[in-house]
Structure formats: structure tokens, C-alpha cells
Amino acid sequence: MIGCKDTSCVKDTLNGLLNKYGVRKNVTEVALENINELAIYRNNKIFINVLKYDEIVNEVSGESEIVSAFLILSSLYSLVGIKRMEEIVKNEYGRESPVYKLYEILFK
């Protein structure tokens, strides 16, 4: 479980994961923007596609665990790519976790 209810918590969780897995990047902000990509990392900030975010929020009726999982996955995608993201998610949350299940839906 991620347990985040805001982007500040997502940012702190991401930085903890990046540090733990030796990724030499730091996230200072997670923001929703009108972009073409799912997510991009630029100048220590992660920008997540606001339309995709809204779609997920509406589909899960705002369930904070799924929403925060989406933010973490999108952010990891922009930071380390799909293969490394899978490794991190599998090690941190396990194959049976909601986070890993969402990863499979979105990225496989």
C-alpha cells in the first residue's frame, strides 16, 4: 500500500524509492499538465498528463490508493522506464499488490 493522499506524499515516496534503488534523480514537484506523453521528467519536476489522470480518477471514483498508485507508476515511467519500474514495483509492493496489478493494466 502506498497510502498517499496528495502529490507531496507521492513526491516523498518517489524520492525514497529512487534513493533506495540508486537512481540519481531527485523530484521536487509532481504536477498535472496538458502534455502529450503520459509523464515527463524535466528540471527535477514530473509532469503527468492531466487528461489521463482525470480518466483514472473517474474510473476508480477517486479511490486514493489507486490514484496514488497511478501517480507513482507514471512518475517511475518518466524516471526509469518500464523495465526498471517493474523491478521496483515488484520488489517494493509484490506481484499481488494493487500497485503491481495497475502496472500490468497500464504498461503490459
PDB file of N, CA and C in Angstrom:
ATOM      1  N   MET A   1       0.835  -1.186   0.000  1.00  0.00           N
ATOM      2  CA  MET A   1       0.000   0.000   0.000  1.00  0.00           C
ATOM      3  C   MET A   1       0.881   1.251   0.000  1.00  0.00           C
ATOM      4  N   ILE A   2       0.453   2.218  -0.773  1.00  0.00           N
ATOM      5  CA  ILE A   2       1.206   3.467  -0.856  1.00  0.00           C
ATOM      6  C   ILE A   2       0.732   4.428   0.224  1.00  0.00           C
ATOM      7  N   GLY A   3      -0.556   4.603   0.355  1.00  0.00           N
ATOM      8  CA  GLY A   3      -1.114   5.414   1.425  1.00  0.00           C
ATOM      9  C   GLY A   3      -1.015   6.909   1.232  1.00  0.00           C
ATOM     10  N   CYS A   4      -0.808   7.390   0.011  1.00  0.00           N
ATOM     11  CA  CYS A   4      -0.709   8.828  -0.230  1.00  0.00           C
ATOM     12  C   CYS A   4      -2.067   9.424  -0.567  1.00  0.00           C
ATOM     13  N   LYS A   5      -2.262  10.645  -0.108  1.00  0.00           N
ATOM     14  CA  LYS A   5      -3.494  11.360  -0.425  1.00  0.00           C
ATOM     15  C   LYS A   5      -3.212  12.682  -1.141  1.00  0.00           C
ATOM     16  N   ASP A   6      -1.936  13.005  -1.365  1.00  0.00           N
ATOM     17  CA  ASP A   6      -1.594  14.233  -2.083  1.00  0.00           C
ATOM     18  C   ASP A   6      -0.265  14.056  -2.822  1.00  0.00           C
ATOM     19  N   THR A   7       0.036  15.007  -3.702  1.00  0.00           N
ATOM     20  CA  THR A   7       1.249  14.888  -4.512  1.00  0.00           C
ATOM     21  C   THR A   7       2.529  15.077  -3.703  1.00  0.00           C
ATOM     22  N   SER A   8       2.452  15.743  -2.580  1.00  0.00           N
ATOM     23  CA  SER A   8       3.627  15.895  -1.723  1.00  0.00           C
ATOM     24  C   SER A   8       4.061  14.526  -1.186  1.00  0.00           C
ATOM     25  N   CYS A   9       3.105  13.725  -0.779  1.00  0.00           N
ATOM     26  CA  CYS A   9       3.386  12.374  -0.304  1.00  0.00           C
ATOM     27  C   CYS A   9       3.942  11.516  -1.444  1.00  0.00           C
ATOM     28  N   VAL A  10       3.366  11.661  -2.633  1.00  0.00           N
ATOM     29  CA  VAL A  10       3.862  10.924  -3.805  1.00  0.00           C
ATOM     30  C   VAL A  10       5.312  11.297  -4.069  1.00  0.00           C
ATOM     31  N   LYS A  11       5.620  12.576  -4.025  1.00  0.00           N
ATOM     32  CA  LYS A  11       6.985  13.062  -4.241  1.00  0.00           C
ATOM     33  C   LYS A  11       7.941  12.452  -3.220  1.00  0.00           C
ATOM     34  N   ASP A  12       7.556  12.450  -1.944  1.00  0.00           N
ATOM     35  CA  ASP A  12       8.410  11.890  -0.898  1.00  0.00           C
ATOM     36  C   ASP A  12       8.594  10.381  -1.087  1.00  0.00           C
ATOM     37  N   THR A  13       7.521   9.693  -1.469  1.00  0.00           N
ATOM     38  CA  THR A  13       7.605   8.254  -1.723  1.00  0.00           C
ATOM     39  C   THR A  13       8.537   7.976  -2.893  1.00  0.00           C
ATOM     40  N   LEU A  14       8.403   8.752  -3.954  1.00  0.00           N
ATOM     41  CA  LEU A  14       9.278   8.587  -5.119  1.00  0.00           C
ATOM     42  C   LEU A  14      10.738   8.798  -4.766  1.00  0.00           C
ATOM     43  N   ASN A  15      11.024   9.869  -4.048  1.00  0.00           N
ATOM     44  CA  ASN A  15      12.408  10.150  -3.681  1.00  0.00           C
ATOM     45  C   ASN A  15      12.981   9.038  -2.819  1.00  0.00           C
ATOM     46  N   GLY A  16      12.161   8.468  -1.939  1.00  0.00           N
ATOM     47  CA  GLY A  16      12.611   7.333  -1.141  1.00  0.00           C
ATOM     48  C   GLY A  16      12.934   6.127  -2.009  1.00  0.00           C
ATOM     49  N   LEU A  17      12.076   5.840  -2.984  1.00  0.00           N
ATOM     50  CA  LEU A  17      12.316   4.724  -3.897  1.00  0.00           C
ATOM     51  C   LEU A  17      13.545   4.960  -4.761  1.00  0.00           C
ATOM     52  N   LEU A  18      13.686   6.165  -5.280  1.00  0.00           N
ATOM     53  CA  LEU A  18      14.848   6.481  -6.114  1.00  0.00           C
ATOM     54  C   LEU A  18      16.138   6.313  -5.334  1.00  0.00           C
ATOM     55  N   ASN A  19      16.161   6.790  -4.123  1.00  0.00           N
ATOM     56  CA  ASN A  19      17.337   6.668  -3.274  1.00  0.00           C
ATOM     57  C   ASN A  19      17.639   5.192  -2.980  1.00  0.00           C
ATOM     58  N   LYS A  20      16.615   4.452  -2.615  1.00  0.00           N
ATOM     59  CA  LYS A  20      16.774   3.035  -2.274  1.00  0.00           C
ATOM     60  C   LYS A  20      17.321   2.225  -3.450  1.00  0.00           C
ATOM     61  N   TYR A  21      16.895   2.554  -4.670  1.00  0.00           N
ATOM     62  CA  TYR A  21      17.300   1.791  -5.841  1.00  0.00           C
ATOM     63  C   TYR A  21      18.437   2.448  -6.627  1.00  0.00           C
ATOM     64  N   GLY A  22      19.085   3.425  -6.014  1.00  0.00           N
ATOM     65  CA  GLY A  22      20.288   4.010  -6.599  1.00  0.00           C
ATOM     66  C   GLY A  22      20.075   4.846  -7.844  1.00  0.00           C
ATOM     67  N   VAL A  23      18.888   5.393  -8.004  1.00  0.00           N
ATOM     68  CA  VAL A  23      18.611   6.264  -9.146  1.00  0.00           C
ATOM     69  C   VAL A  23      18.978   7.683  -8.732  1.00  0.00           C
ATOM     70  N   ARG A  24      19.931   8.259  -9.413  1.00  0.00           N
ATOM     71  CA  ARG A  24      20.460   9.560  -9.023  1.00  0.00           C
ATOM     72  C   ARG A  24      19.651  10.719  -9.597  1.00  0.00           C
ATOM     73  N   LYS A  25      18.390  10.722  -9.250  1.00  0.00           N
ATOM     74  CA  LYS A  25      17.499  11.818  -9.635  1.00  0.00           C
ATOM     75  C   LYS A  25      16.733  12.238  -8.397  1.00  0.00           C
ATOM     76  N   ASN A  26      16.312  13.476  -8.375  1.00  0.00           N
ATOM     77  CA  ASN A  26      15.545  13.998  -7.256  1.00  0.00           C
ATOM     78  C   ASN A  26      14.299  14.690  -7.806  1.00  0.00           C
ATOM     79  N   VAL A  27      13.166  14.431  -7.179  1.00  0.00           N
ATOM     80  CA  VAL A  27      11.912  15.031  -7.605  1.00  0.00           C
ATOM     81  C   VAL A  27      11.534  16.121  -6.612  1.00  0.00           C
ATOM     82  N   THR A  28      11.355  17.338  -7.125  1.00  0.00           N
ATOM     83  CA  THR A  28      10.959  18.448  -6.257  1.00  0.00           C
ATOM     84  C   THR A  28       9.473  18.749  -6.343  1.00  0.00           C
ATOM     85  N   GLU A  29       8.827  18.250  -7.424  1.00  0.00           N
ATOM     86  CA  GLU A  29       7.406  18.536  -7.592  1.00  0.00           C
ATOM     87  C   GLU A  29       6.774  17.512  -8.530  1.00  0.00           C
ATOM     88  N   VAL A  30       5.528  17.162  -8.246  1.00  0.00           N
ATOM     89  CA  VAL A  30       4.712  16.351  -9.147  1.00  0.00           C
ATOM     90  C   VAL A  30       3.516  17.222  -9.523  1.00  0.00           C
ATOM     91  N   ALA A  31       3.361  17.469 -10.820  1.00  0.00           N
ATOM     92  CA  ALA A  31       2.311  18.384 -11.273  1.00  0.00           C
ATOM     93  C   ALA A  31       1.513  17.765 -12.408  1.00  0.00           C
ATOM     94  N   LEU A  32       0.244  18.135 -12.488  1.00  0.00           N
ATOM     95  CA  LEU A  32      -0.631  17.714 -13.579  1.00  0.00           C
ATOM     96  C   LEU A  32      -0.606  18.800 -14.644  1.00  0.00           C
ATOM     97  N   GLU A  33      -0.369  18.378 -15.898  1.00  0.00           N
ATOM     98  CA  GLU A  33      -0.250  19.330 -17.002  1.00  0.00           C
ATOM     99  C   GLU A  33      -0.907  18.769 -18.255  1.00  0.00           C
ATOM    100  N   ASN A  34      -1.220  19.641 -19.188  1.00  0.00           N
ATOM    101  CA  ASN A  34      -1.672  19.213 -20.511  1.00  0.00           C
ATOM    102  C   ASN A  34      -0.437  18.892 -21.344  1.00  0.00           C
ATOM    103  N   ILE A  35      -0.088  17.604 -21.407  1.00  0.00           N
ATOM    104  CA  ILE A  35       1.059  17.143 -22.190  1.00  0.00           C
ATOM    105  C   ILE A  35       0.607  15.973 -23.055  1.00  0.00           C
ATOM    106  N   ASN A  36       1.377  15.668 -24.078  1.00  0.00           N
ATOM    107  CA  ASN A  36       1.036  14.564 -24.967  1.00  0.00           C
ATOM    108  C   ASN A  36       1.461  13.217 -24.395  1.00  0.00           C
ATOM    109  N   GLU A  37       2.549  13.181 -23.664  1.00  0.00           N
ATOM    110  CA  GLU A  37       3.055  11.956 -23.075  1.00  0.00           C
ATOM    111  C   GLU A  37       2.272  11.613 -21.818  1.00  0.00           C
ATOM    112  N   LEU A  38       2.456  10.385 -21.334  1.00  0.00           N
ATOM    113  CA  LEU A  38       1.848  10.005 -20.053  1.00  0.00           C
ATOM    114  C   LEU A  38       2.465  10.829 -18.933  1.00  0.00           C
ATOM    115  N   ALA A  39       3.791  10.913 -18.937  1.00  0.00           N
ATOM    116  CA  ALA A  39       4.502  11.690 -17.918  1.00  0.00           C
ATOM    117  C   ALA A  39       5.894  12.020 -18.438  1.00  0.00           C
ATOM    118  N   ILE A  40       6.415  13.155 -18.011  1.00  0.00           N
ATOM    119  CA  ILE A  40       7.787  13.524 -18.362  1.00  0.00           C
ATOM    120  C   ILE A  40       8.486  14.070 -17.123  1.00  0.00           C
ATOM    121  N   TYR A  41       9.804  13.868 -17.102  1.00  0.00           N
ATOM    122  CA  TYR A  41      10.659  14.375 -16.030  1.00  0.00           C
ATOM    123  C   TYR A  41      11.530  15.460 -16.629  1.00  0.00           C
ATOM    124  N   ARG A  42      11.443  16.668 -16.052  1.00  0.00           N
ATOM    125  CA  ARG A  42      12.217  17.789 -16.560  1.00  0.00           C
ATOM    126  C   ARG A  42      12.538  18.734 -15.411  1.00  0.00           C
ATOM    127  N   ASN A  43      13.795  19.089 -15.278  1.00  0.00           N
ATOM    128  CA  ASN A  43      14.232  20.041 -14.253  1.00  0.00           C
ATOM    129  C   ASN A  43      13.769  19.645 -12.847  1.00  0.00           C
ATOM    130  N   ASN A  44      13.944  18.380 -12.516  1.00  0.00           N
ATOM    131  CA  ASN A  44      13.576  17.823 -11.203  1.00  0.00           C
ATOM    132  C   ASN A  44      12.073  17.831 -10.924  1.00  0.00           C
ATOM    133  N   LYS A  45      11.275  18.038 -11.955  1.00  0.00           N
ATOM    134  CA  LYS A  45       9.825  18.019 -11.791  1.00  0.00           C
ATOM    135  C   LYS A  45       9.232  16.936 -12.691  1.00  0.00           C
ATOM    136  N   ILE A  46       8.165  16.321 -12.208  1.00  0.00           N
ATOM    137  CA  ILE A  46       7.444  15.354 -13.002  1.00  0.00           C
ATOM    138  C   ILE A  46       6.118  15.974 -13.399  1.00  0.00           C
ATOM    139  N   PHE A  47       5.840  15.928 -14.693  1.00  0.00           N
ATOM    140  CA  PHE A  47       4.587  16.421 -15.220  1.00  0.00           C
ATOM    141  C   PHE A  47       3.791  15.225 -15.710  1.00  0.00           C
ATOM    142  N   ILE A  48       2.579  15.080 -15.197  1.00  0.00           N
ATOM    143  CA  ILE A  48       1.716  13.950 -15.530  1.00  0.00           C
ATOM    144  C   ILE A  48       0.543  14.456 -16.366  1.00  0.00           C
ATOM    145  N   ASN A  49       0.195  13.681 -17.371  1.00  0.00           N
ATOM    146  CA  ASN A  49      -0.897  14.024 -18.281  1.00  0.00           C
ATOM    147  C   ASN A  49      -2.207  14.161 -17.487  1.00  0.00           C
ATOM    148  N   VAL A  50      -2.741  15.361 -17.439  1.00  0.00           N
ATOM    149  CA  VAL A  50      -3.930  15.642 -16.641  1.00  0.00           C
ATOM    150  C   VAL A  50      -5.159  14.907 -17.170  1.00  0.00           C
ATOM    151  N   LEU A  51      -5.247  14.711 -18.485  1.00  0.00           N
ATOM    152  CA  LEU A  51      -6.404  14.004 -19.041  1.00  0.00           C
ATOM    153  C   LEU A  51      -6.398  12.535 -18.638  1.00  0.00           C
ATOM    154  N   LYS A  52      -5.228  11.911 -18.681  1.00  0.00           N
ATOM    155  CA  LYS A  52      -5.117  10.509 -18.262  1.00  0.00           C
ATOM    156  C   LYS A  52      -5.392  10.395 -16.760  1.00  0.00           C
ATOM    157  N   TYR A  53      -4.891  11.357 -15.989  1.00  0.00           N
ATOM    158  CA  TYR A  53      -5.139  11.388 -14.552  1.00  0.00           C
ATOM    159  C   TYR A  53      -6.641  11.475 -14.272  1.00  0.00           C
ATOM    160  N   ASP A  54      -7.317  12.397 -14.942  1.00  0.00           N
ATOM    161  CA  ASP A  54      -8.768  12.545 -14.752  1.00  0.00           C
ATOM    162  C   ASP A  54      -9.520  11.275 -15.122  1.00  0.00           C
ATOM    163  N   GLU A  55      -9.074  10.622 -16.191  1.00  0.00           N
ATOM    164  CA  GLU A  55      -9.702   9.369 -16.616  1.00  0.00           C
ATOM    165  C   GLU A  55      -9.583   8.299 -15.525  1.00  0.00           C
ATOM    166  N   ILE A  56      -8.403   8.163 -14.952  1.00  0.00           N
ATOM    167  CA  ILE A  56      -8.182   7.180 -13.878  1.00  0.00           C
ATOM    168  C   ILE A  56      -9.025   7.532 -12.655  1.00  0.00           C
ATOM    169  N   VAL A  57      -9.008   8.794 -12.252  1.00  0.00           N
ATOM    170  CA  VAL A  57      -9.780   9.236 -11.075  1.00  0.00           C
ATOM    171  C   VAL A  57     -11.262   8.927 -11.257  1.00  0.00           C
ATOM    172  N   ASN A  58     -11.781   9.198 -12.437  1.00  0.00           N
ATOM    173  CA  ASN A  58     -13.199   8.937 -12.696  1.00  0.00           C
ATOM    174  C   ASN A  58     -13.509   7.443 -12.702  1.00  0.00           C
ATOM    175  N   GLU A  59     -12.621   6.636 -13.281  1.00  0.00           N
ATOM    176  CA  GLU A  59     -12.851   5.192 -13.341  1.00  0.00           C
ATOM    177  C   GLU A  59     -12.854   4.540 -11.967  1.00  0.00           C
ATOM    178  N   VAL A  60     -12.032   5.058 -11.052  1.00  0.00           N
ATOM    179  CA  VAL A  60     -11.922   4.431  -9.722  1.00  0.00           C
ATOM    180  C   VAL A  60     -12.649   5.244  -8.648  1.00  0.00           C
ATOM    181  N   SER A  61     -13.482   6.168  -9.087  1.00  0.00           N
ATOM    182  CA  SER A  61     -14.273   7.001  -8.165  1.00  0.00           C
ATOM    183  C   SER A  61     -13.412   7.685  -7.111  1.00  0.00           C
ATOM    184  N   GLY A  62     -12.229   8.118  -7.494  1.00  0.00           N
ATOM    185  CA  GLY A  62     -11.369   8.871  -6.596  1.00  0.00           C
ATOM    186  C   GLY A  62     -10.680   8.046  -5.523  1.00  0.00           C
ATOM    187  N   GLU A  63     -10.725   6.719  -5.608  1.00  0.00           N
ATOM    188  CA  GLU A  63     -10.080   5.842  -4.615  1.00  0.00           C
ATOM    189  C   GLU A  63      -8.604   6.227  -4.492  1.00  0.00           C
ATOM    190  N   SER A  64      -8.222   6.766  -3.336  1.00  0.00           N
ATOM    191  CA  SER A  64      -6.899   7.367  -3.179  1.00  0.00           C
ATOM    192  C   SER A  64      -5.753   6.380  -3.387  1.00  0.00           C
ATOM    193  N   GLU A  65      -5.917   5.131  -3.021  1.00  0.00           N
ATOM    194  CA  GLU A  65      -4.829   4.158  -3.194  1.00  0.00           C
ATOM    195  C   GLU A  65      -4.538   3.920  -4.678  1.00  0.00           C
ATOM    196  N   ILE A  66      -5.575   3.820  -5.490  1.00  0.00           N
ATOM    197  CA  ILE A  66      -5.381   3.614  -6.924  1.00  0.00           C
ATOM    198  C   ILE A  66      -4.845   4.888  -7.576  1.00  0.00           C
ATOM    199  N   VAL A  67      -5.359   6.028  -7.163  1.00  0.00           N
ATOM    200  CA  VAL A  67      -4.885   7.298  -7.711  1.00  0.00           C
ATOM    201  C   VAL A  67      -3.412   7.504  -7.379  1.00  0.00           C
ATOM    202  N   SER A  68      -3.024   7.254  -6.132  1.00  0.00           N
ATOM    203  CA  SER A  68      -1.616   7.426  -5.769  1.00  0.00           C
ATOM    204  C   SER A  68      -0.743   6.392  -6.480  1.00  0.00           C
ATOM    205  N   ALA A  69      -1.251   5.182  -6.685  1.00  0.00           N
ATOM    206  CA  ALA A  69      -0.503   4.168  -7.443  1.00  0.00           C
ATOM    207  C   ALA A  69      -0.286   4.646  -8.876  1.00  0.00           C
ATOM    208  N   PHE A  70      -1.315   5.233  -9.484  1.00  0.00           N
ATOM    209  CA  PHE A  70      -1.171   5.771 -10.830  1.00  0.00           C
ATOM    210  C   PHE A  70      -0.103   6.863 -10.878  1.00  0.00           C
ATOM    211  N   LEU A  71      -0.108   7.759  -9.895  1.00  0.00           N
ATOM    212  CA  LEU A  71       0.888   8.834  -9.859  1.00  0.00           C
ATOM    213  C   LEU A  71       2.299   8.275  -9.690  1.00  0.00           C
ATOM    214  N   ILE A  72       2.452   7.286  -8.820  1.00  0.00           N
ATOM    215  CA  ILE A  72       3.772   6.659  -8.617  1.00  0.00           C
ATOM    216  C   ILE A  72       4.225   5.965  -9.902  1.00  0.00           C
ATOM    217  N   LEU A  73       3.344   5.179 -10.511  1.00  0.00           N
ATOM    218  CA  LEU A  73       3.710   4.457 -11.729  1.00  0.00           C
ATOM    219  C   LEU A  73       4.052   5.411 -12.871  1.00  0.00           C
ATOM    220  N   SER A  74       3.240   6.429 -13.063  1.00  0.00           N
ATOM    221  CA  SER A  74       3.511   7.401 -14.126  1.00  0.00           C
ATOM    222  C   SER A  74       4.844   8.094 -13.903  1.00  0.00           C
ATOM    223  N   SER A  75       5.097   8.433 -12.663  1.00  0.00           N
ATOM    224  CA  SER A  75       6.351   9.100 -12.323  1.00  0.00           C
ATOM    225  C   SER A  75       7.546   8.186 -12.549  1.00  0.00           C
ATOM    226  N   LEU A  76       7.448   6.950 -12.077  1.00  0.00           N
ATOM    227  CA  LEU A  76       8.547   5.993 -12.293  1.00  0.00           C
ATOM    228  C   LEU A  76       8.784   5.766 -13.785  1.00  0.00           C
ATOM    229  N   TYR A  77       7.708   5.707 -14.557  1.00  0.00           N
ATOM    230  CA  TYR A  77       7.824   5.550 -16.006  1.00  0.00           C
ATOM    231  C   TYR A  77       8.688   6.666 -16.593  1.00  0.00           C
ATOM    232  N   SER A  78       8.433   7.900 -16.167  1.00  0.00           N
ATOM    233  CA  SER A  78       9.191   9.026 -16.709  1.00  0.00           C
ATOM    234  C   SER A  78      10.630   9.058 -16.202  1.00  0.00           C
ATOM    235  N   LEU A  79      10.878   8.461 -15.060  1.00  0.00           N
ATOM    236  CA  LEU A  79      12.209   8.495 -14.443  1.00  0.00           C
ATOM    237  C   LEU A  79      13.112   7.341 -14.859  1.00  0.00           C
ATOM    238  N   VAL A  80      12.565   6.132 -14.910  1.00  0.00           N
ATOM    239  CA  VAL A  80      13.425   4.953 -15.100  1.00  0.00           C
ATOM    240  C   VAL A  80      12.986   4.027 -16.229  1.00  0.00           C
ATOM    241  N   GLY A  81      11.851   4.260 -16.842  1.00  0.00           N
ATOM    242  CA  GLY A  81      11.368   3.398 -17.911  1.00  0.00           C
ATOM    243  C   GLY A  81      10.609   2.186 -17.386  1.00  0.00           C
ATOM    244  N   ILE A  82      10.024   1.450 -18.304  1.00  0.00           N
ATOM    245  CA  ILE A  82       9.111   0.362 -17.939  1.00  0.00           C
ATOM    246  C   ILE A  82       9.819  -0.802 -17.250  1.00  0.00           C
ATOM    247  N   LYS A  83      10.949  -1.231 -17.789  1.00  0.00           N
ATOM    248  CA  LYS A  83      11.621  -2.413 -17.248  1.00  0.00           C
ATOM    249  C   LYS A  83      12.068  -2.205 -15.796  1.00  0.00           C
ATOM    250  N   ARG A  84      12.726  -1.086 -15.542  1.00  0.00           N
ATOM    251  CA  ARG A  84      13.190  -0.801 -14.169  1.00  0.00           C
ATOM    252  C   ARG A  84      12.008  -0.533 -13.237  1.00  0.00           C
ATOM    253  N   MET A  85      10.961   0.111 -13.776  1.00  0.00           N
ATOM    254  CA  MET A  85       9.767   0.361 -12.989  1.00  0.00           C
ATOM    255  C   MET A  85       9.169  -0.954 -12.501  1.00  0.00           C
ATOM    256  N   GLU A  86       9.075  -1.939 -13.388  1.00  0.00           N
ATOM    257  CA  GLU A  86       8.523  -3.230 -12.989  1.00  0.00           C
ATOM    258  C   GLU A  86       9.335  -3.845 -11.857  1.00  0.00           C
ATOM    259  N   GLU A  87      10.646  -3.788 -11.981  1.00  0.00           N
ATOM    260  CA  GLU A  87      11.528  -4.333 -10.934  1.00  0.00           C
ATOM    261  C   GLU A  87      11.265  -3.649  -9.589  1.00  0.00           C
ATOM    262  N   ILE A  88      11.187  -2.336  -9.593  1.00  0.00           N
ATOM    263  CA  ILE A  88      10.977  -1.583  -8.353  1.00  0.00           C
ATOM    264  C   ILE A  88       9.613  -1.906  -7.755  1.00  0.00           C
ATOM    265  N   VAL A  89       8.574  -1.902  -8.576  1.00  0.00           N
ATOM    266  CA  VAL A  89       7.210  -2.150  -8.090  1.00  0.00           C
ATOM    267  C   VAL A  89       7.088  -3.579  -7.547  1.00  0.00           C
ATOM    268  N   LYS A  90       7.657  -4.528  -8.268  1.00  0.00           N
ATOM    269  CA  LYS A  90       7.591  -5.929  -7.835  1.00  0.00           C
ATOM    270  C   LYS A  90       8.317  -6.112  -6.502  1.00  0.00           C
ATOM    271  N   ASN A  91       9.495  -5.506  -6.365  1.00  0.00           N
ATOM    272  CA  ASN A  91      10.262  -5.648  -5.123  1.00  0.00           C
ATOM    273  C   ASN A  91       9.622  -4.921  -3.950  1.00  0.00           C
ATOM    274  N   GLU A  92       9.066  -3.750  -4.197  1.00  0.00           N
ATOM    275  CA  GLU A  92       8.509  -2.928  -3.117  1.00  0.00           C
ATOM    276  C   GLU A  92       7.115  -3.373  -2.680  1.00  0.00           C
ATOM    277  N   TYR A  93       6.288  -3.714  -3.637  1.00  0.00           N
ATOM    278  CA  TYR A  93       4.877  -3.942  -3.326  1.00  0.00           C
ATOM    279  C   TYR A  93       4.412  -5.377  -3.557  1.00  0.00           C
ATOM    280  N   GLY A  94       5.146  -6.155  -4.333  1.00  0.00           N
ATOM    281  CA  GLY A  94       4.796  -7.545  -4.588  1.00  0.00           C
ATOM    282  C   GLY A  94       3.877  -7.699  -5.789  1.00  0.00           C
ATOM    283  N   ARG A  95       3.924  -8.880  -6.391  1.00  0.00           N
ATOM    284  CA  ARG A  95       3.136  -9.157  -7.607  1.00  0.00           C
ATOM    285  C   ARG A  95       1.632  -9.165  -7.365  1.00  0.00           C
ATOM    286  N   GLU A  96       1.213  -9.395  -6.144  1.00  0.00           N
ATOM    287  CA  GLU A  96      -0.227  -9.465  -5.846  1.00  0.00           C
ATOM    288  C   GLU A  96      -0.802  -8.132  -5.377  1.00  0.00           C
ATOM    289  N   SER A  97       0.017  -7.113  -5.325  1.00  0.00           N
ATOM    290  CA  SER A  97      -0.436  -5.811  -4.815  1.00  0.00           C
ATOM    291  C   SER A  97      -1.271  -5.067  -5.854  1.00  0.00           C
ATOM    292  N   PRO A  98      -2.138  -4.168  -5.389  1.00  0.00           N
ATOM    293  CA  PRO A  98      -2.886  -3.324  -6.320  1.00  0.00           C
ATOM    294  C   PRO A  98      -1.972  -2.483  -7.218  1.00  0.00           C
ATOM    295  N   VAL A  99      -0.821  -2.087  -6.694  1.00  0.00           N
ATOM    296  CA  VAL A  99       0.119  -1.281  -7.474  1.00  0.00           C
ATOM    297  C   VAL A  99       0.636  -2.091  -8.663  1.00  0.00           C
ATOM    298  N   TYR A 100       1.030  -3.333  -8.408  1.00  0.00           N
ATOM    299  CA  TYR A 100       1.544  -4.180  -9.489  1.00  0.00           C
ATOM    300  C   TYR A 100       0.430  -4.514 -10.486  1.00  0.00           C
ATOM    301  N   LYS A 101      -0.765  -4.763  -9.996  1.00  0.00           N
ATOM    302  CA  LYS A 101      -1.898  -5.052 -10.881  1.00  0.00           C
ATOM    303  C   LYS A 101      -2.172  -3.856 -11.804  1.00  0.00           C
ATOM    304  N   LEU A 102      -2.122  -2.658 -11.256  1.00  0.00           N
ATOM    305  CA  LEU A 102      -2.314  -1.464 -12.083  1.00  0.00           C
ATOM    306  C   LEU A 102      -1.175  -1.334 -13.091  1.00  0.00           C
ATOM    307  N   TYR A 103       0.045  -1.627 -12.672  1.00  0.00           N
ATOM    308  CA  TYR A 103       1.182  -1.624 -13.594  1.00  0.00           C
ATOM    309  C   TYR A 103       0.887  -2.543 -14.788  1.00  0.00           C
ATOM    310  N   GLU A 104       0.398  -3.745 -14.509  1.00  0.00           N
ATOM    311  CA  GLU A 104       0.104  -4.695 -15.573  1.00  0.00           C
ATOM    312  C   GLU A 104      -0.971  -4.163 -16.519  1.00  0.00           C
ATOM    313  N   ILE A 105      -1.987  -3.511 -15.978  1.00  0.00           N
ATOM    314  CA  ILE A 105      -3.053  -2.943 -16.810  1.00  0.00           C
ATOM    315  C   ILE A 105      -2.533  -1.811 -17.693  1.00  0.00           C
ATOM    316  N   LEU A 106      -1.725  -0.952 -17.122  1.00  0.00           N
ATOM    317  CA  LEU A 106      -1.282   0.240 -17.846  1.00  0.00           C
ATOM    318  C   LEU A 106      -0.105   0.004 -18.788  1.00  0.00           C
ATOM    319  N   PHE A 107       0.794  -0.900 -18.428  1.00  0.00           N
ATOM    320  CA  PHE A 107       2.068  -0.981 -19.148  1.00  0.00           C
ATOM    321  C   PHE A 107       2.387  -2.306 -19.817  1.00  0.00           C
ATOM    322  N   LYS A 108       1.540  -3.328 -19.660  1.00  0.00           N
ATOM    323  CA  LYS A 108       1.839  -4.608 -20.318  1.00  0.00           C
ATOM    324  C   LYS A 108       0.918  -4.855 -21.470  1.00  0.00           C
TER     325      LYS A 108
END
